[in-house]
Amino acid sequence: MTDKKPRIEEFEVNGDKVVETVKRLIHERNIRRITIKGEDGKTLIEIPLTYGVVGAALLPVLAALGALAALVTHCTIVVEKNAE
């Protein structure tokens, strides 16, 4: 048995692009977790994704992201993907 570590990707975005970028990432099938970090590197919100979480279940998360985007000017989106 081999333990495969998840792949990590980071995207730097402006606050007004956070919701748009996260929506796009959610539609990718191999995403395990999305973490939004502020300019200081501190985690602002962490979104664990499972295969069953789609549609209406994500509305509160997207609403929180919209509020967060209004407060930050620049942030980093860290995406944890399943190992292939």
N, C-alpha and C. Protein backbone atom coordinates (compact mmCIF):
# COMPACT_ATOMS: atom_id res chain seq x y z
N MET A 1 0.82 -1.19 0.00
CA MET A 1 0.00 0.00 0.00
C MET A 1 0.86 1.24 0.00
N THR A 2 0.46 2.19 -0.77
CA THR A 2 1.19 3.45 -0.86
C THR A 2 0.30 4.58 -0.38
N ASP A 3 0.83 5.36 0.55
CA ASP A 3 0.09 6.54 1.00
C ASP A 3 0.41 7.68 0.04
N LYS A 4 -0.61 8.11 -0.68
CA LYS A 4 -0.42 9.23 -1.61
C LYS A 4 -0.80 10.52 -0.91
N LYS A 5 0.10 11.47 -0.95
CA LYS A 5 -0.17 12.77 -0.34
C LYS A 5 -0.97 13.62 -1.31
N PRO A 6 -1.86 14.43 -0.78
CA PRO A 6 -2.65 15.30 -1.66
C PRO A 6 -1.75 16.36 -2.30
N ARG A 7 -2.15 16.78 -3.49
CA ARG A 7 -1.46 17.88 -4.17
C ARG A 7 -2.00 19.20 -3.63
N ILE A 8 -1.13 20.16 -3.50
CA ILE A 8 -1.51 21.49 -3.01
C ILE A 8 -1.23 22.51 -4.11
N GLU A 9 -2.22 23.34 -4.40
CA GLU A 9 -2.04 24.45 -5.34
C GLU A 9 -2.47 25.73 -4.65
N GLU A 10 -1.82 26.82 -4.98
CA GLU A 10 -2.17 28.12 -4.39
C GLU A 10 -2.44 29.13 -5.50
N PHE A 11 -3.47 29.95 -5.26
CA PHE A 11 -3.85 31.01 -6.18
C PHE A 11 -3.91 32.31 -5.40
N GLU A 12 -3.27 33.34 -5.88
CA GLU A 12 -3.39 34.66 -5.26
C GLU A 12 -4.42 35.45 -6.05
N VAL A 13 -5.43 35.95 -5.35
CA VAL A 13 -6.51 36.68 -6.00
C VAL A 13 -6.86 37.93 -5.22
N ASN A 14 -7.49 38.86 -5.91
CA ASN A 14 -8.04 40.05 -5.26
C ASN A 14 -9.36 39.68 -4.62
N GLY A 15 -9.78 40.44 -3.65
CA GLY A 15 -11.01 40.16 -2.93
C GLY A 15 -12.23 40.01 -3.81
N ASP A 16 -12.31 40.77 -4.88
CA ASP A 16 -13.49 40.72 -5.74
C ASP A 16 -13.54 39.45 -6.60
N LYS A 17 -12.47 38.69 -6.65
CA LYS A 17 -12.43 37.47 -7.46
C LYS A 17 -12.52 36.19 -6.61
N VAL A 18 -12.63 36.33 -5.30
CA VAL A 18 -12.63 35.16 -4.42
C VAL A 18 -13.81 34.24 -4.72
N VAL A 19 -15.02 34.76 -4.70
CA VAL A 19 -16.22 33.94 -4.90
C VAL A 19 -16.19 33.28 -6.28
N GLU A 20 -15.85 34.05 -7.29
CA GLU A 20 -15.80 33.52 -8.65
C GLU A 20 -14.79 32.37 -8.76
N THR A 21 -13.62 32.54 -8.18
CA THR A 21 -12.58 31.51 -8.23
C THR A 21 -13.00 30.26 -7.46
N VAL A 22 -13.57 30.44 -6.27
CA VAL A 22 -14.00 29.29 -5.47
C VAL A 22 -15.12 28.53 -6.18
N LYS A 23 -16.07 29.23 -6.79
CA LYS A 23 -17.13 28.55 -7.53
C LYS A 23 -16.55 27.68 -8.64
N ARG A 24 -15.57 28.23 -9.34
CA ARG A 24 -14.93 27.47 -10.42
C ARG A 24 -14.22 26.24 -9.87
N LEU A 25 -13.53 26.40 -8.76
CA LEU A 25 -12.79 25.28 -8.17
C LEU A 25 -13.72 24.19 -7.63
N ILE A 26 -14.86 24.59 -7.08
CA ILE A 26 -15.81 23.62 -6.52
C ILE A 26 -16.29 22.64 -7.59
N HIS A 27 -16.37 23.09 -8.82
CA HIS A 27 -16.85 22.22 -9.89
C HIS A 27 -15.82 21.19 -10.35
N GLU A 28 -14.57 21.34 -9.89
CA GLU A 28 -13.57 20.33 -10.20
C GLU A 28 -13.81 19.13 -9.30
N ARG A 29 -13.70 17.96 -9.81
CA ARG A 29 -14.08 16.75 -9.09
C ARG A 29 -13.05 16.28 -8.06
N ASN A 30 -11.83 16.65 -8.19
CA ASN A 30 -10.80 16.08 -7.32
C ASN A 30 -10.36 16.99 -6.18
N ILE A 31 -11.16 17.98 -5.83
CA ILE A 31 -10.82 18.92 -4.75
C ILE A 31 -11.27 18.34 -3.41
N ARG A 32 -10.38 18.32 -2.42
CA ARG A 32 -10.71 17.85 -1.08
C ARG A 32 -11.02 18.99 -0.12
N ARG A 33 -10.28 20.08 -0.26
CA ARG A 33 -10.42 21.19 0.69
C ARG A 33 -9.95 22.47 0.03
N ILE A 34 -10.65 23.56 0.37
CA ILE A 34 -10.25 24.89 -0.08
C ILE A 34 -10.06 25.75 1.17
N THR A 35 -8.92 26.41 1.25
CA THR A 35 -8.62 27.27 2.39
C THR A 35 -8.34 28.67 1.85
N ILE A 36 -8.96 29.67 2.48
CA ILE A 36 -8.73 31.06 2.11
C ILE A 36 -7.86 31.68 3.20
N LYS A 37 -6.72 32.25 2.79
CA LYS A 37 -5.80 32.88 3.73
C LYS A 37 -5.70 34.36 3.43
N GLY A 38 -5.60 35.16 4.47
CA GLY A 38 -5.45 36.60 4.33
C GLY A 38 -4.03 36.97 3.94
N GLU A 39 -3.80 38.27 3.79
CA GLU A 39 -2.49 38.76 3.40
C GLU A 39 -1.40 38.39 4.39
N ASP A 40 -1.78 38.24 5.66
CA ASP A 40 -0.82 37.89 6.70
C ASP A 40 -0.57 36.39 6.79
N GLY A 41 -1.24 35.60 5.95
CA GLY A 41 -1.04 34.16 5.94
C GLY A 41 -1.94 33.38 6.89
N LYS A 42 -2.77 34.09 7.65
CA LYS A 42 -3.67 33.42 8.59
C LYS A 42 -4.90 32.90 7.84
N THR A 43 -5.36 31.73 8.26
CA THR A 43 -6.53 31.12 7.64
C THR A 43 -7.78 31.90 8.02
N LEU A 44 -8.54 32.31 7.01
CA LEU A 44 -9.79 33.04 7.22
C LEU A 44 -10.99 32.10 7.19
N ILE A 45 -10.99 31.15 6.26
CA ILE A 45 -12.08 30.18 6.14
C ILE A 45 -11.53 28.92 5.49
N GLU A 46 -12.03 27.79 5.95
CA GLU A 46 -11.63 26.50 5.40
C GLU A 46 -12.89 25.77 4.97
N ILE A 47 -12.90 25.28 3.74
CA ILE A 47 -14.09 24.63 3.19
C ILE A 47 -13.74 23.19 2.82
N PRO A 48 -14.15 22.22 3.65
CA PRO A 48 -13.93 20.82 3.27
C PRO A 48 -14.98 20.43 2.23
N LEU A 49 -14.56 19.75 1.19
CA LEU A 49 -15.48 19.35 0.13
C LEU A 49 -15.55 17.82 0.07
N THR A 50 -16.77 17.33 -0.06
CA THR A 50 -16.97 15.90 -0.25
C THR A 50 -17.79 15.73 -1.51
N TYR A 51 -17.88 14.51 -1.98
CA TYR A 51 -18.61 14.26 -3.22
C TYR A 51 -20.09 14.62 -3.11
N GLY A 52 -20.66 14.57 -1.90
CA GLY A 52 -22.08 14.84 -1.74
C GLY A 52 -22.42 16.31 -1.55
N VAL A 53 -21.43 17.16 -1.39
CA VAL A 53 -21.69 18.57 -1.13
C VAL A 53 -21.76 19.33 -2.45
N VAL A 54 -22.98 19.65 -2.85
CA VAL A 54 -23.18 20.43 -4.06
C VAL A 54 -24.44 21.27 -3.90
N GLY A 55 -24.64 22.19 -4.82
CA GLY A 55 -25.88 22.94 -4.89
C GLY A 55 -26.21 23.74 -3.65
N ALA A 56 -27.41 23.54 -3.12
CA ALA A 56 -27.93 24.35 -2.01
C ALA A 56 -27.08 24.23 -0.75
N ALA A 57 -26.40 23.12 -0.58
CA ALA A 57 -25.56 22.95 0.62
C ALA A 57 -24.41 23.94 0.65
N LEU A 58 -24.01 24.45 -0.50
CA LEU A 58 -22.90 25.39 -0.57
C LEU A 58 -23.34 26.85 -0.49
N LEU A 59 -24.63 27.13 -0.52
CA LEU A 59 -25.09 28.52 -0.49
C LEU A 59 -24.62 29.28 0.74
N PRO A 60 -24.70 28.72 1.95
CA PRO A 60 -24.20 29.47 3.12
C PRO A 60 -22.69 29.75 3.02
N VAL A 61 -21.95 28.80 2.48
CA VAL A 61 -20.51 28.99 2.33
C VAL A 61 -20.22 30.11 1.34
N LEU A 62 -20.94 30.12 0.23
CA LEU A 62 -20.73 31.18 -0.76
C LEU A 62 -21.15 32.54 -0.22
N ALA A 63 -22.19 32.58 0.60
CA ALA A 63 -22.60 33.83 1.22
C ALA A 63 -21.51 34.34 2.16
N ALA A 64 -20.92 33.43 2.92
CA ALA A 64 -19.83 33.81 3.83
C ALA A 64 -18.62 34.30 3.03
N LEU A 65 -18.35 33.66 1.91
CA LEU A 65 -17.25 34.10 1.06
C LEU A 65 -17.50 35.50 0.50
N GLY A 66 -18.74 35.78 0.14
CA GLY A 66 -19.09 37.11 -0.35
C GLY A 66 -18.82 38.18 0.70
N ALA A 67 -19.18 37.89 1.94
CA ALA A 67 -18.93 38.83 3.04
C ALA A 67 -17.43 38.97 3.29
N LEU A 68 -16.72 37.86 3.22
CA LEU A 68 -15.28 37.87 3.42
C LEU A 68 -14.59 38.68 2.32
N ALA A 69 -15.04 38.51 1.10
CA ALA A 69 -14.45 39.22 -0.04
C ALA A 69 -14.58 40.72 0.11
N ALA A 70 -15.65 41.17 0.77
CA ALA A 70 -15.84 42.60 0.98
C ALA A 70 -14.82 43.16 1.98
N LEU A 71 -14.25 42.27 2.82
CA LEU A 71 -13.33 42.72 3.86
C LEU A 71 -11.85 42.63 3.46
N VAL A 72 -11.53 41.78 2.50
CA VAL A 72 -10.12 41.60 2.13
C VAL A 72 -9.85 42.20 0.75
N THR A 73 -8.64 42.70 0.60
CA THR A 73 -8.27 43.23 -0.71
C THR A 73 -7.45 42.23 -1.50
N HIS A 74 -6.76 41.37 -0.80
CA HIS A 74 -5.90 40.38 -1.45
C HIS A 74 -5.84 39.14 -0.56
N CYS A 75 -5.95 37.96 -1.17
CA CYS A 75 -5.86 36.75 -0.37
C CYS A 75 -5.28 35.62 -1.21
N THR A 76 -5.00 34.52 -0.54
CA THR A 76 -4.48 33.34 -1.19
C THR A 76 -5.49 32.21 -1.01
N ILE A 77 -5.79 31.53 -2.11
CA ILE A 77 -6.68 30.36 -2.06
C ILE A 77 -5.79 29.14 -2.18
N VAL A 78 -5.82 28.30 -1.14
CA VAL A 78 -5.02 27.08 -1.12
C VAL A 78 -5.97 25.92 -1.41
N VAL A 79 -5.66 25.15 -2.44
CA VAL A 79 -6.52 24.06 -2.88
C VAL A 79 -5.79 22.74 -2.63
N GLU A 80 -6.45 21.86 -1.89
CA GLU A 80 -5.91 20.53 -1.65
C GLU A 80 -6.66 19.56 -2.56
N LYS A 81 -5.92 18.91 -3.44
CA LYS A 81 -6.53 17.99 -4.40
C LYS A 81 -6.18 16.55 -4.02
N ASN A 82 -7.06 15.62 -4.38
CA ASN A 82 -6.79 14.21 -4.18
C ASN A 82 -5.57 13.81 -4.99
N ALA A 83 -4.78 12.93 -4.42
CA ALA A 83 -3.63 12.40 -5.14
C ALA A 83 -4.15 11.51 -6.27
N GLU A 84 -3.49 11.56 -7.37
CA GLU A 84 -3.93 10.76 -8.52
C GLU A 84 -3.13 9.51 -8.68
